Amino acid sequence: MSGPALCMPKDTFAKIVQELQGIYGWSSSGMKNDGVDCFESFAMFMYLLRGHSNRRTNERFQHLGDTVSRHVHKILACMRRGFTANKLKPTRHQHETHEYLDRHDFYKPFKGNCTGAIDGTHVMIRCKKKEDEKRFFSRKGYATQNIMAVCDFDLTFVFASAGWEGIYYDYSIFKRCVLNPRYRFPQPEPDVDPELEDRLDERDDIVDEDHVPEMNDVRNNIR
């Protein structure tokens, strides 16, 4: 596969595979039994991330759906062992003012108080259980998961949180990630700013969270 098809240069692709194997415990032992080596396994993973269906991936790589699924889940397990936590983190001290803000007068009011940009996006999902669809049914008109991501002024992703039910709005996710230490949202101080907490509490959540069941088995904070 070419570089554009892999969403990255070939040397970066090879480096990620080596890191997953050497640092995060991704073992390629036994993979040759189904004719898939580590590079092809990661290529299938990236192909799926580009939005291709499992069936199309099967046809592209000429493997059974069970084989593709098994290899993708092995890579996901490595990601959860620490790969994303080590990669998605601030590259600068959170107290510093980025030089990009100094060069643009438009951002003068935000100097010292702005470390990046934040946004959310809805991704269509299919629920295995019919009763779960109501939890993930969003304003899009179908079941989605809401993903929030933060990017700094170096165009580096420093935080991401995925798996939120589609019923949640961006502000509800932002508030939970900021106020709950377990999400490890990048902040200037170890503790939440009391003034920020007061401002967040002044707004009522659009979603009545008391009636939205927790989905600990589905929601996965990938930070």
N, C-alpha and C. Protein backbone atom coordinates (compact mmCIF):
# COMPACT_ATOMS: atom_id res chain seq x y z
N MET A 1 0.84 -1.19 0.00
CA MET A 1 0.00 0.00 0.00
C MET A 1 0.88 1.24 0.00
N SER A 2 0.40 2.30 -0.65
CA SER A 2 1.17 3.53 -0.74
C SER A 2 1.01 4.35 0.53
N GLY A 3 1.86 5.40 0.65
CA GLY A 3 1.81 6.27 1.81
C GLY A 3 0.46 6.91 2.03
N PRO A 4 -0.15 7.55 0.98
CA PRO A 4 -1.47 8.16 1.16
C PRO A 4 -2.53 7.17 1.63
N ALA A 5 -2.46 5.93 1.16
CA ALA A 5 -3.44 4.94 1.58
C ALA A 5 -3.28 4.58 3.05
N LEU A 6 -2.07 4.76 3.59
CA LEU A 6 -1.80 4.47 4.99
C LEU A 6 -1.99 5.69 5.88
N CYS A 7 -2.28 6.84 5.28
CA CYS A 7 -2.49 8.10 6.01
C CYS A 7 -1.21 8.63 6.64
N MET A 8 -0.07 8.13 6.23
CA MET A 8 1.21 8.57 6.80
C MET A 8 2.35 8.09 5.92
N PRO A 9 3.53 8.71 6.05
CA PRO A 9 4.70 8.21 5.31
C PRO A 9 5.06 6.79 5.74
N LYS A 10 5.71 6.06 4.86
CA LYS A 10 6.03 4.66 5.15
C LYS A 10 6.98 4.52 6.33
N ASP A 11 7.93 5.46 6.49
CA ASP A 11 8.85 5.34 7.61
C ASP A 11 8.14 5.57 8.94
N THR A 12 7.14 6.47 8.96
CA THR A 12 6.33 6.67 10.17
C THR A 12 5.52 5.43 10.48
N PHE A 13 4.97 4.83 9.44
CA PHE A 13 4.20 3.59 9.59
C PHE A 13 5.06 2.50 10.25
N ALA A 14 6.27 2.33 9.73
CA ALA A 14 7.17 1.31 10.27
C ALA A 14 7.58 1.61 11.71
N LYS A 15 7.77 2.91 12.02
CA LYS A 15 8.17 3.29 13.37
C LYS A 15 7.06 2.98 14.38
N ILE A 16 5.82 3.23 14.00
CA ILE A 16 4.69 2.94 14.91
C ILE A 16 4.59 1.45 15.17
N VAL A 17 4.75 0.65 14.13
CA VAL A 17 4.71 -0.81 14.30
C VAL A 17 5.80 -1.26 15.26
N GLN A 18 7.00 -0.72 15.10
CA GLN A 18 8.12 -1.09 15.98
C GLN A 18 7.85 -0.67 17.42
N GLU A 19 7.24 0.51 17.62
CA GLU A 19 6.93 0.96 18.98
C GLU A 19 5.86 0.08 19.62
N LEU A 20 4.84 -0.26 18.86
CA LEU A 20 3.79 -1.11 19.39
C LEU A 20 4.33 -2.46 19.83
N GLN A 21 5.29 -2.97 19.09
CA GLN A 21 5.89 -4.26 19.42
C GLN A 21 6.89 -4.15 20.58
N GLY A 22 7.77 -3.16 20.49
CA GLY A 22 8.85 -3.08 21.46
C GLY A 22 8.49 -2.47 22.79
N ILE A 23 7.50 -1.56 22.80
CA ILE A 23 7.18 -0.82 24.02
C ILE A 23 5.84 -1.22 24.62
N TYR A 24 4.86 -1.47 23.77
CA TYR A 24 3.50 -1.67 24.26
C TYR A 24 3.01 -3.11 24.20
N GLY A 25 3.93 -4.03 23.94
CA GLY A 25 3.61 -5.44 24.09
C GLY A 25 2.80 -6.08 22.99
N TRP A 26 2.81 -5.48 21.81
CA TRP A 26 2.09 -6.11 20.70
C TRP A 26 2.94 -7.25 20.16
N SER A 27 2.47 -8.47 20.34
CA SER A 27 3.23 -9.64 19.93
C SER A 27 2.70 -10.15 18.60
N SER A 28 3.63 -10.41 17.69
CA SER A 28 3.25 -10.95 16.38
C SER A 28 3.35 -12.47 16.36
N SER A 29 3.67 -13.07 17.50
CA SER A 29 3.78 -14.53 17.56
C SER A 29 2.43 -15.17 17.28
N GLY A 30 2.43 -16.16 16.46
CA GLY A 30 1.21 -16.87 16.11
C GLY A 30 0.45 -16.25 14.96
N MET A 31 0.82 -15.00 14.57
CA MET A 31 0.10 -14.34 13.49
C MET A 31 0.35 -15.00 12.14
N LYS A 32 1.54 -15.58 11.99
CA LYS A 32 1.86 -16.19 10.70
C LYS A 32 0.99 -17.41 10.41
N ASN A 33 0.32 -17.92 11.45
CA ASN A 33 -0.58 -19.05 11.24
C ASN A 33 -1.73 -18.70 10.32
N ASP A 34 -2.16 -17.43 10.33
CA ASP A 34 -3.23 -17.01 9.44
C ASP A 34 -2.71 -16.19 8.27
N GLY A 35 -1.39 -16.18 8.08
CA GLY A 35 -0.81 -15.52 6.92
C GLY A 35 -0.75 -14.01 7.01
N VAL A 36 -0.82 -13.45 8.21
CA VAL A 36 -0.81 -11.99 8.38
C VAL A 36 0.38 -11.61 9.25
N ASP A 37 1.28 -10.77 8.72
CA ASP A 37 2.39 -10.30 9.54
C ASP A 37 2.00 -8.99 10.21
N CYS A 38 2.90 -8.44 11.03
CA CYS A 38 2.57 -7.26 11.83
C CYS A 38 2.29 -6.04 10.96
N PHE A 39 2.99 -5.90 9.84
CA PHE A 39 2.79 -4.73 8.99
C PHE A 39 1.44 -4.77 8.29
N GLU A 40 1.07 -5.95 7.81
CA GLU A 40 -0.24 -6.07 7.17
C GLU A 40 -1.35 -5.90 8.21
N SER A 41 -1.12 -6.38 9.41
CA SER A 41 -2.10 -6.25 10.48
C SER A 41 -2.38 -4.78 10.78
N PHE A 42 -1.31 -3.98 10.90
CA PHE A 42 -1.49 -2.56 11.19
C PHE A 42 -2.07 -1.83 9.98
N ALA A 43 -1.75 -2.28 8.77
CA ALA A 43 -2.33 -1.68 7.56
C ALA A 43 -3.85 -1.89 7.54
N MET A 44 -4.31 -3.07 7.95
CA MET A 44 -5.75 -3.30 8.03
C MET A 44 -6.40 -2.39 9.06
N PHE A 45 -5.70 -2.18 10.16
CA PHE A 45 -6.20 -1.29 11.21
C PHE A 45 -6.37 0.13 10.68
N MET A 46 -5.38 0.64 9.98
CA MET A 46 -5.44 1.99 9.43
C MET A 46 -6.50 2.09 8.32
N TYR A 47 -6.66 1.02 7.56
CA TYR A 47 -7.65 1.01 6.49
C TYR A 47 -9.06 1.14 7.07
N LEU A 48 -9.30 0.47 8.18
CA LEU A 48 -10.60 0.58 8.85
C LEU A 48 -10.80 1.96 9.44
N LEU A 49 -9.74 2.56 9.97
CA LEU A 49 -9.85 3.89 10.55
C LEU A 49 -10.21 4.94 9.51
N ARG A 50 -9.90 4.66 8.27
CA ARG A 50 -10.25 5.60 7.19
C ARG A 50 -11.74 5.55 6.85
N GLY A 51 -12.48 4.67 7.51
CA GLY A 51 -13.92 4.62 7.31
C GLY A 51 -14.40 3.49 6.42
N HIS A 52 -13.49 2.61 6.01
CA HIS A 52 -13.91 1.48 5.18
C HIS A 52 -14.59 0.41 6.04
N SER A 53 -15.53 -0.26 5.45
CA SER A 53 -16.27 -1.30 6.17
C SER A 53 -15.41 -2.54 6.35
N ASN A 54 -15.85 -3.40 7.26
CA ASN A 54 -15.14 -4.65 7.49
C ASN A 54 -15.14 -5.50 6.23
N ARG A 55 -16.26 -5.50 5.53
CA ARG A 55 -16.36 -6.31 4.29
C ARG A 55 -15.38 -5.81 3.23
N ARG A 56 -15.30 -4.48 3.09
CA ARG A 56 -14.38 -3.94 2.09
C ARG A 56 -12.93 -4.22 2.48
N THR A 57 -12.65 -4.19 3.79
CA THR A 57 -11.30 -4.52 4.26
C THR A 57 -10.97 -5.97 3.95
N ASN A 58 -11.95 -6.85 4.14
CA ASN A 58 -11.75 -8.27 3.81
C ASN A 58 -11.36 -8.44 2.35
N GLU A 59 -12.08 -7.73 1.47
CA GLU A 59 -11.81 -7.84 0.05
C GLU A 59 -10.46 -7.24 -0.32
N ARG A 60 -10.12 -6.11 0.32
CA ARG A 60 -8.87 -5.43 -0.01
C ARG A 60 -7.65 -6.27 0.38
N PHE A 61 -7.72 -6.92 1.56
CA PHE A 61 -6.58 -7.68 2.05
C PHE A 61 -6.73 -9.19 1.88
N GLN A 62 -7.89 -9.61 1.35
CA GLN A 62 -8.14 -11.03 1.08
C GLN A 62 -7.99 -11.89 2.35
N HIS A 63 -8.69 -11.46 3.41
CA HIS A 63 -8.74 -12.23 4.65
C HIS A 63 -10.17 -12.31 5.13
N LEU A 64 -10.46 -13.32 5.93
CA LEU A 64 -11.80 -13.48 6.49
C LEU A 64 -12.09 -12.37 7.50
N GLY A 65 -13.37 -12.09 7.69
CA GLY A 65 -13.77 -11.05 8.62
C GLY A 65 -13.29 -11.33 10.04
N ASP A 66 -13.30 -12.59 10.44
CA ASP A 66 -12.84 -12.96 11.78
C ASP A 66 -11.35 -12.67 11.95
N THR A 67 -10.59 -12.90 10.88
CA THR A 67 -9.15 -12.62 10.93
C THR A 67 -8.88 -11.13 11.08
N VAL A 68 -9.58 -10.33 10.29
CA VAL A 68 -9.43 -8.87 10.37
C VAL A 68 -9.81 -8.37 11.76
N SER A 69 -10.94 -8.82 12.26
CA SER A 69 -11.41 -8.38 13.58
C SER A 69 -10.42 -8.75 14.68
N ARG A 70 -9.87 -9.95 14.62
CA ARG A 70 -8.93 -10.40 15.65
C ARG A 70 -7.68 -9.53 15.69
N HIS A 71 -7.15 -9.21 14.53
CA HIS A 71 -5.93 -8.41 14.47
C HIS A 71 -6.19 -6.97 14.90
N VAL A 72 -7.33 -6.41 14.50
CA VAL A 72 -7.66 -5.04 14.89
C VAL A 72 -7.82 -4.93 16.39
N HIS A 73 -8.45 -5.92 17.01
CA HIS A 73 -8.64 -5.88 18.46
C HIS A 73 -7.32 -6.03 19.22
N LYS A 74 -6.38 -6.76 18.64
CA LYS A 74 -5.06 -6.87 19.27
C LYS A 74 -4.37 -5.51 19.29
N ILE A 75 -4.47 -4.77 18.19
CA ILE A 75 -3.85 -3.45 18.14
C ILE A 75 -4.55 -2.48 19.08
N LEU A 76 -5.88 -2.54 19.14
CA LEU A 76 -6.62 -1.68 20.06
C LEU A 76 -6.20 -1.93 21.51
N ALA A 77 -5.95 -3.20 21.84
CA ALA A 77 -5.51 -3.53 23.20
C ALA A 77 -4.16 -2.87 23.50
N CYS A 78 -3.27 -2.83 22.51
CA CYS A 78 -1.97 -2.17 22.69
C CYS A 78 -2.15 -0.67 22.86
N MET A 79 -3.07 -0.11 22.10
CA MET A 79 -3.33 1.32 22.23
C MET A 79 -3.77 1.66 23.64
N ARG A 80 -4.59 0.82 24.22
CA ARG A 80 -5.12 1.08 25.56
C ARG A 80 -4.07 0.85 26.64
N ARG A 81 -3.00 0.13 26.33
CA ARG A 81 -1.95 -0.10 27.33
C ARG A 81 -1.11 1.14 27.59
N GLY A 82 -1.25 2.16 26.76
CA GLY A 82 -0.51 3.37 27.03
C GLY A 82 -0.07 4.16 25.81
N PHE A 83 -0.25 3.59 24.61
CA PHE A 83 0.21 4.28 23.41
C PHE A 83 -0.44 5.65 23.27
N THR A 84 -1.78 5.70 23.35
CA THR A 84 -2.48 6.97 23.17
C THR A 84 -2.19 7.92 24.32
N ALA A 85 -2.09 7.41 25.55
CA ALA A 85 -1.81 8.28 26.69
C ALA A 85 -0.45 8.93 26.56
N ASN A 86 0.51 8.22 25.99
CA ASN A 86 1.86 8.76 25.83
C ASN A 86 1.97 9.71 24.65
N LYS A 87 1.11 9.54 23.66
CA LYS A 87 1.18 10.39 22.47
C LYS A 87 0.27 11.61 22.58
N LEU A 88 -0.91 11.42 23.17
CA LEU A 88 -1.85 12.53 23.31
C LEU A 88 -1.59 13.27 24.61
N LYS A 89 -0.64 14.16 24.59
CA LYS A 89 -0.32 14.95 25.78
C LYS A 89 0.30 16.27 25.34
N PRO A 90 0.21 17.29 26.17
CA PRO A 90 0.75 18.61 25.81
C PRO A 90 2.24 18.55 25.51
N THR A 91 2.65 19.29 24.50
CA THR A 91 4.06 19.36 24.13
C THR A 91 4.76 20.55 24.78
N ARG A 92 3.97 21.42 25.43
CA ARG A 92 4.51 22.60 26.09
C ARG A 92 3.95 22.71 27.50
N HIS A 93 4.60 23.53 28.32
CA HIS A 93 4.09 23.80 29.65
C HIS A 93 2.80 24.60 29.53
N GLN A 94 1.78 24.21 30.28
CA GLN A 94 0.47 24.82 30.14
C GLN A 94 0.42 26.27 30.61
N HIS A 95 1.45 26.73 31.32
CA HIS A 95 1.48 28.12 31.78
C HIS A 95 2.06 29.04 30.72
N GLU A 96 2.70 28.48 29.70
CA GLU A 96 3.35 29.30 28.68
C GLU A 96 2.34 29.86 27.69
N THR A 97 2.63 31.04 27.17
CA THR A 97 1.84 31.63 26.10
C THR A 97 2.52 31.32 24.77
N HIS A 98 1.80 30.68 23.88
CA HIS A 98 2.39 30.28 22.60
C HIS A 98 2.72 31.50 21.76
N GLU A 99 3.85 31.43 21.06
CA GLU A 99 4.29 32.56 20.24
C GLU A 99 3.29 32.89 19.12
N TYR A 100 2.47 31.91 18.74
CA TYR A 100 1.45 32.17 17.73
C TYR A 100 0.49 33.25 18.20
N LEU A 101 0.17 33.26 19.51
CA LEU A 101 -0.72 34.28 20.06
C LEU A 101 -0.05 35.64 20.06
N ASP A 102 1.27 35.66 20.26
CA ASP A 102 2.00 36.92 20.27
C ASP A 102 2.07 37.56 18.89
N ARG A 103 2.04 36.74 17.85
CA ARG A 103 2.19 37.25 16.49
C ARG A 103 0.88 37.75 15.89
N HIS A 104 -0.25 37.44 16.52
CA HIS A 104 -1.54 37.81 15.96
C HIS A 104 -2.33 38.65 16.96
N ASP A 105 -2.63 39.88 16.56
CA ASP A 105 -3.35 40.80 17.45
C ASP A 105 -4.74 40.29 17.80
N PHE A 106 -5.31 39.50 16.90
CA PHE A 106 -6.67 39.01 17.13
C PHE A 106 -6.77 38.20 18.42
N TYR A 107 -5.65 37.54 18.79
CA TYR A 107 -5.67 36.66 19.94
C TYR A 107 -5.17 37.32 21.22
N LYS A 108 -4.93 38.65 21.19
CA LYS A 108 -4.41 39.33 22.37
C LYS A 108 -5.27 39.11 23.62
N PRO A 109 -6.61 39.14 23.51
CA PRO A 109 -7.42 38.93 24.72
C PRO A 109 -7.24 37.55 25.34
N PHE A 110 -6.70 36.59 24.58
CA PHE A 110 -6.58 35.23 25.07
C PHE A 110 -5.18 34.88 25.58
N LYS A 111 -4.27 35.84 25.54
CA LYS A 111 -2.90 35.55 25.98
C LYS A 111 -2.90 35.13 27.45
N GLY A 112 -2.23 34.02 27.71
CA GLY A 112 -2.14 33.50 29.07
C GLY A 112 -3.31 32.65 29.48
N ASN A 113 -4.38 32.63 28.66
CA ASN A 113 -5.57 31.86 29.02
C ASN A 113 -6.00 30.89 27.94
N CYS A 114 -5.21 30.75 26.91
CA CYS A 114 -5.60 29.89 25.80
C CYS A 114 -4.43 28.98 25.43
N THR A 115 -4.68 27.69 25.41
CA THR A 115 -3.62 26.73 25.07
C THR A 115 -3.92 25.94 23.80
N GLY A 116 -5.12 26.13 23.23
CA GLY A 116 -5.44 25.39 22.03
C GLY A 116 -6.90 25.52 21.66
N ALA A 117 -7.35 24.64 20.78
CA ALA A 117 -8.74 24.63 20.31
C ALA A 117 -9.38 23.29 20.64
N ILE A 118 -10.69 23.32 20.87
CA ILE A 118 -11.42 22.12 21.25
C ILE A 118 -12.66 22.00 20.39
N ASP A 119 -13.00 20.77 20.01
CA ASP A 119 -14.20 20.55 19.20
C ASP A 119 -14.65 19.11 19.39
N GLY A 120 -15.88 18.88 19.00
CA GLY A 120 -16.44 17.53 19.07
C GLY A 120 -17.02 17.13 17.74
N THR A 121 -17.13 15.83 17.51
CA THR A 121 -17.71 15.33 16.27
C THR A 121 -18.50 14.06 16.55
N HIS A 122 -19.59 13.89 15.81
CA HIS A 122 -20.41 12.70 15.96
C HIS A 122 -20.02 11.67 14.89
N VAL A 123 -19.80 10.44 15.34
CA VAL A 123 -19.44 9.35 14.44
C VAL A 123 -20.53 8.30 14.49
N MET A 124 -21.03 7.92 13.33
CA MET A 124 -22.10 6.93 13.28
C MET A 124 -21.64 5.58 13.81
N ILE A 125 -22.49 4.93 14.59
CA ILE A 125 -22.19 3.60 15.13
C ILE A 125 -23.38 2.69 14.91
N ARG A 126 -23.12 1.40 15.07
CA ARG A 126 -24.19 0.40 15.07
C ARG A 126 -24.14 -0.32 16.41
N CYS A 127 -25.25 -0.33 17.11
CA CYS A 127 -25.33 -0.96 18.43
C CYS A 127 -25.70 -2.43 18.29
N LYS A 128 -24.98 -3.27 19.02
CA LYS A 128 -25.28 -4.70 18.98
C LYS A 128 -26.63 -5.00 19.60
N LYS A 129 -26.95 -4.27 20.68
CA LYS A 129 -28.23 -4.47 21.36
C LYS A 129 -29.20 -3.35 20.99
N LYS A 130 -30.44 -3.73 20.69
CA LYS A 130 -31.45 -2.77 20.27
C LYS A 130 -31.72 -1.75 21.36
N GLU A 131 -31.69 -2.18 22.62
CA GLU A 131 -31.99 -1.26 23.72
C GLU A 131 -30.92 -0.18 23.90
N ASP A 132 -29.73 -0.39 23.33
CA ASP A 132 -28.67 0.60 23.46
C ASP A 132 -28.81 1.75 22.47
N GLU A 133 -29.61 1.56 21.43
CA GLU A 133 -29.72 2.58 20.40
C GLU A 133 -30.30 3.88 20.95
N LYS A 134 -31.24 3.78 21.90
CA LYS A 134 -31.84 4.98 22.46
C LYS A 134 -30.80 5.83 23.19
N ARG A 135 -29.83 5.18 23.82
CA ARG A 135 -28.80 5.91 24.55
C ARG A 135 -27.88 6.69 23.61
N PHE A 136 -27.69 6.16 22.42
CA PHE A 136 -26.75 6.78 21.49
C PHE A 136 -27.44 7.57 20.37
N PHE A 137 -28.79 7.60 20.39
CA PHE A 137 -29.51 8.31 19.34
C PHE A 137 -29.28 9.81 19.49
N SER A 138 -28.80 10.46 18.42
CA SER A 138 -28.40 11.86 18.51
C SER A 138 -29.27 12.75 17.62
N ARG A 139 -28.92 14.05 17.64
CA ARG A 139 -29.63 15.02 16.79
C ARG A 139 -29.40 14.77 15.31
N LYS A 140 -28.44 13.90 14.97
CA LYS A 140 -28.19 13.56 13.58
C LYS A 140 -29.31 12.72 12.99
N GLY A 141 -30.09 12.10 13.89
CA GLY A 141 -31.17 11.24 13.44
C GLY A 141 -30.82 9.78 13.41
N TYR A 142 -29.65 9.44 13.94
CA TYR A 142 -29.22 8.05 14.02
C TYR A 142 -28.27 7.91 15.21
N ALA A 143 -27.89 6.67 15.50
CA ALA A 143 -27.02 6.40 16.65
C ALA A 143 -25.59 6.86 16.35
N THR A 144 -25.01 7.62 17.27
CA THR A 144 -23.65 8.10 17.12
C THR A 144 -22.93 8.06 18.46
N GLN A 145 -21.62 8.13 18.41
CA GLN A 145 -20.82 8.42 19.60
C GLN A 145 -20.19 9.79 19.39
N ASN A 146 -20.16 10.56 20.46
CA ASN A 146 -19.60 11.90 20.39
C ASN A 146 -18.15 11.86 20.84
N ILE A 147 -17.25 12.38 20.03
CA ILE A 147 -15.83 12.36 20.32
C ILE A 147 -15.33 13.79 20.48
N MET A 148 -14.66 14.07 21.58
CA MET A 148 -14.10 15.39 21.83
C MET A 148 -12.59 15.33 21.70
N ALA A 149 -12.01 16.33 21.04
CA ALA A 149 -10.56 16.38 20.86
C ALA A 149 -10.05 17.79 21.07
N VAL A 150 -8.82 17.89 21.55
CA VAL A 150 -8.16 19.18 21.80
C VAL A 150 -6.87 19.23 21.00
N CYS A 151 -6.65 20.33 20.31
CA CYS A 151 -5.44 20.52 19.50
C CYS A 151 -4.76 21.81 19.95
N ASP A 152 -3.43 21.79 20.13
CA ASP A 152 -2.72 23.00 20.55
C ASP A 152 -2.28 23.80 19.34
N PHE A 153 -1.53 24.88 19.56
CA PHE A 153 -1.14 25.77 18.47
C PHE A 153 0.03 25.23 17.67
N ASP A 154 0.55 24.08 18.05
CA ASP A 154 1.54 23.38 17.24
C ASP A 154 0.88 22.35 16.33
N LEU A 155 -0.48 22.39 16.28
CA LEU A 155 -1.27 21.44 15.50
C LEU A 155 -1.04 20.01 15.98
N THR A 156 -0.88 19.87 17.29
CA THR A 156 -0.70 18.56 17.90
C THR A 156 -1.90 18.23 18.77
N PHE A 157 -2.47 17.05 18.57
CA PHE A 157 -3.57 16.63 19.43
C PHE A 157 -3.02 16.32 20.82
N VAL A 158 -3.60 16.96 21.83
CA VAL A 158 -3.11 16.78 23.21
C VAL A 158 -4.12 16.08 24.09
N PHE A 159 -5.33 15.86 23.59
CA PHE A 159 -6.35 15.17 24.38
C PHE A 159 -7.44 14.68 23.45
N ALA A 160 -8.01 13.52 23.77
CA ALA A 160 -9.17 13.00 23.04
C ALA A 160 -9.96 12.10 23.96
N SER A 161 -11.26 12.18 23.85
CA SER A 161 -12.13 11.33 24.66
C SER A 161 -13.24 10.81 23.75
N ALA A 162 -13.35 9.51 23.62
CA ALA A 162 -14.30 8.91 22.68
C ALA A 162 -15.30 8.02 23.42
N GLY A 163 -16.38 7.67 22.73
CA GLY A 163 -17.34 6.72 23.26
C GLY A 163 -18.52 7.33 23.97
N TRP A 164 -18.62 8.66 23.99
CA TRP A 164 -19.75 9.30 24.66
C TRP A 164 -21.02 9.08 23.86
N GLU A 165 -22.13 8.82 24.57
CA GLU A 165 -23.40 8.61 23.90
C GLU A 165 -23.78 9.84 23.08
N GLY A 166 -24.40 9.60 21.92
CA GLY A 166 -24.76 10.69 21.02
C GLY A 166 -25.69 11.71 21.63
N ILE A 167 -26.39 11.35 22.69
CA ILE A 167 -27.32 12.26 23.34
C ILE A 167 -26.58 13.39 24.06
N TYR A 168 -25.30 13.16 24.37
CA TYR A 168 -24.51 14.19 25.06
C TYR A 168 -24.10 15.30 24.09
N TYR A 169 -24.22 16.54 24.56
CA TYR A 169 -23.74 17.68 23.80
C TYR A 169 -22.29 17.97 24.17
N ASP A 170 -21.62 18.75 23.32
CA ASP A 170 -20.20 19.01 23.52
C ASP A 170 -19.90 19.59 24.90
N TYR A 171 -20.75 20.52 25.35
CA TYR A 171 -20.49 21.16 26.63
C TYR A 171 -20.55 20.16 27.78
N SER A 172 -21.50 19.23 27.72
CA SER A 172 -21.62 18.22 28.79
C SER A 172 -20.35 17.38 28.88
N ILE A 173 -19.79 17.00 27.72
CA ILE A 173 -18.56 16.21 27.71
C ILE A 173 -17.39 17.03 28.23
N PHE A 174 -17.31 18.28 27.77
CA PHE A 174 -16.23 19.16 28.20
C PHE A 174 -16.25 19.34 29.73
N LYS A 175 -17.41 19.57 30.28
CA LYS A 175 -17.53 19.79 31.72
C LYS A 175 -17.08 18.57 32.50
N ARG A 176 -17.50 17.40 32.07
CA ARG A 176 -17.11 16.17 32.77
C ARG A 176 -15.61 15.93 32.68
N CYS A 177 -15.04 16.15 31.52
CA CYS A 177 -13.61 15.90 31.36
C CYS A 177 -12.77 16.87 32.18
N VAL A 178 -13.22 18.13 32.28
CA VAL A 178 -12.47 19.13 33.02
C VAL A 178 -12.55 18.90 34.52
N LEU A 179 -13.73 18.56 35.01
CA LEU A 179 -13.94 18.48 36.46
C LEU A 179 -13.61 17.11 37.05
N ASN A 180 -13.52 16.10 36.22
CA ASN A 180 -13.23 14.76 36.73
C ASN A 180 -11.76 14.44 36.51
N PRO A 181 -10.97 14.31 37.58
CA PRO A 181 -9.52 14.09 37.43
C PRO A 181 -9.16 12.82 36.66
N ARG A 182 -10.04 11.83 36.64
CA ARG A 182 -9.66 10.57 36.00
C ARG A 182 -9.51 10.71 34.48
N TYR A 183 -10.05 11.80 33.92
CA TYR A 183 -9.90 12.01 32.48
C TYR A 183 -8.57 12.67 32.13
N ARG A 184 -7.87 13.19 33.13
CA ARG A 184 -6.55 13.79 32.93
C ARG A 184 -6.56 14.86 31.84
N PHE A 185 -7.54 15.73 31.90
CA PHE A 185 -7.62 16.84 30.95
C PHE A 185 -6.46 17.79 31.20
N PRO A 186 -5.70 18.19 30.17
CA PRO A 186 -4.53 19.06 30.38
C PRO A 186 -4.93 20.43 30.93
N GLN A 187 -4.35 20.78 32.08
CA GLN A 187 -4.67 22.04 32.74
C GLN A 187 -3.40 22.67 33.29
N PRO A 188 -3.40 23.99 33.48
CA PRO A 188 -2.22 24.65 34.03
C PRO A 188 -1.90 24.20 35.45
N GLU A 189 -2.92 23.94 36.25
CA GLU A 189 -2.71 23.55 37.63
C GLU A 189 -3.19 22.11 37.84
N PRO A 190 -2.64 21.40 38.83
CA PRO A 190 -3.09 20.03 39.09
C PRO A 190 -4.56 19.95 39.44
N ASP A 191 -5.06 20.97 40.13
CA ASP A 191 -6.46 20.99 40.54
C ASP A 191 -7.24 21.94 39.64
N VAL A 192 -8.55 21.72 39.60
CA VAL A 192 -9.42 22.57 38.78
C VAL A 192 -9.51 23.95 39.39
N ASP A 193 -9.43 24.98 38.55
CA ASP A 193 -9.56 26.36 39.00
C ASP A 193 -10.95 26.55 39.61
N PRO A 194 -11.06 27.00 40.87
CA PRO A 194 -12.38 27.18 41.49
C PRO A 194 -13.28 28.11 40.70
N GLU A 195 -12.71 29.18 40.11
CA GLU A 195 -13.52 30.09 39.32
C GLU A 195 -14.09 29.40 38.09
N LEU A 196 -13.26 28.54 37.45
CA LEU A 196 -13.73 27.79 36.29
C LEU A 196 -14.85 26.85 36.70
N GLU A 197 -14.70 26.18 37.84
CA GLU A 197 -15.72 25.24 38.30
C GLU A 197 -17.03 25.97 38.56
N ASP A 198 -16.95 27.19 39.14
CA ASP A 198 -18.16 27.96 39.41
C ASP A 198 -18.85 28.35 38.12
N ARG A 199 -18.04 28.74 37.11
CA ARG A 199 -18.63 29.15 35.84
C ARG A 199 -19.30 27.97 35.15
N LEU A 200 -18.69 26.80 35.25
CA LEU A 200 -19.29 25.62 34.62
C LEU A 200 -20.58 25.23 35.32
N ASP A 201 -20.62 25.37 36.65
CA ASP A 201 -21.81 24.99 37.39
C ASP A 201 -22.95 25.96 37.18
N GLU A 202 -22.62 27.20 36.74
CA GLU A 202 -23.68 28.18 36.51
C GLU A 202 -24.58 27.78 35.35
N ARG A 203 -24.02 27.00 34.43
CA ARG A 203 -24.80 26.55 33.28
C ARG A 203 -25.40 25.19 33.56
N ASP A 204 -26.68 25.04 33.23
CA ASP A 204 -27.33 23.75 33.38
C ASP A 204 -27.00 22.91 32.17
N ASP A 205 -26.73 21.64 32.41
CA ASP A 205 -26.47 20.76 31.28
C ASP A 205 -27.71 20.65 30.41
N ILE A 206 -27.49 20.61 29.12
CA ILE A 206 -28.62 20.45 28.20
C ILE A 206 -29.24 19.08 28.37
N VAL A 207 -28.42 18.10 28.76
CA VAL A 207 -28.90 16.74 28.97
C VAL A 207 -29.11 16.52 30.46
N ASP A 208 -30.23 15.91 30.81
CA ASP A 208 -30.48 15.54 32.20
C ASP A 208 -29.65 14.30 32.50
N GLU A 209 -28.46 14.49 33.07
CA GLU A 209 -27.53 13.39 33.22
C GLU A 209 -28.00 12.36 34.24
N ASP A 210 -28.96 12.74 35.09
CA ASP A 210 -29.48 11.78 36.07
C ASP A 210 -30.26 10.67 35.38
N HIS A 211 -30.70 10.93 34.16
CA HIS A 211 -31.50 9.94 33.44
C HIS A 211 -30.76 9.37 32.24
N VAL A 212 -29.46 9.60 32.17
CA VAL A 212 -28.63 8.99 31.12
C VAL A 212 -27.77 7.93 31.78
N PRO A 213 -28.03 6.64 31.53
CA PRO A 213 -27.28 5.58 32.19
C PRO A 213 -25.82 5.60 31.80
N GLU A 214 -24.96 5.27 32.75
CA GLU A 214 -23.53 5.18 32.48
C GLU A 214 -23.26 3.99 31.57
N MET A 215 -22.30 4.15 30.68
CA MET A 215 -21.95 3.08 29.75
C MET A 215 -20.47 2.80 29.91
N ASN A 216 -20.06 2.38 31.11
CA ASN A 216 -18.65 2.14 31.38
C ASN A 216 -18.08 1.06 30.48
N ASP A 217 -18.93 0.13 30.06
CA ASP A 217 -18.43 -0.95 29.22
C ASP A 217 -18.28 -0.51 27.77
N VAL A 218 -18.84 0.64 27.42
CA VAL A 218 -18.77 1.12 26.05
C VAL A 218 -17.84 2.32 25.94
N ARG A 219 -18.03 3.30 26.84
CA ARG A 219 -17.25 4.51 26.79
C ARG A 219 -15.81 4.22 27.15
N ASN A 220 -14.91 4.68 26.34
CA ASN A 220 -13.49 4.44 26.61
C ASN A 220 -12.73 5.73 26.43
N ASN A 221 -12.20 6.25 27.52
CA ASN A 221 -11.39 7.45 27.42
C ASN A 221 -10.01 7.06 26.89
N ILE A 222 -9.67 7.56 25.70
CA ILE A 222 -8.45 7.12 25.06
C ILE A 222 -7.28 8.02 25.35
N ARG A 223 -7.45 8.98 26.22
CA ARG A 223 -6.36 9.87 26.57
C ARG A 223 -5.27 9.11 27.35
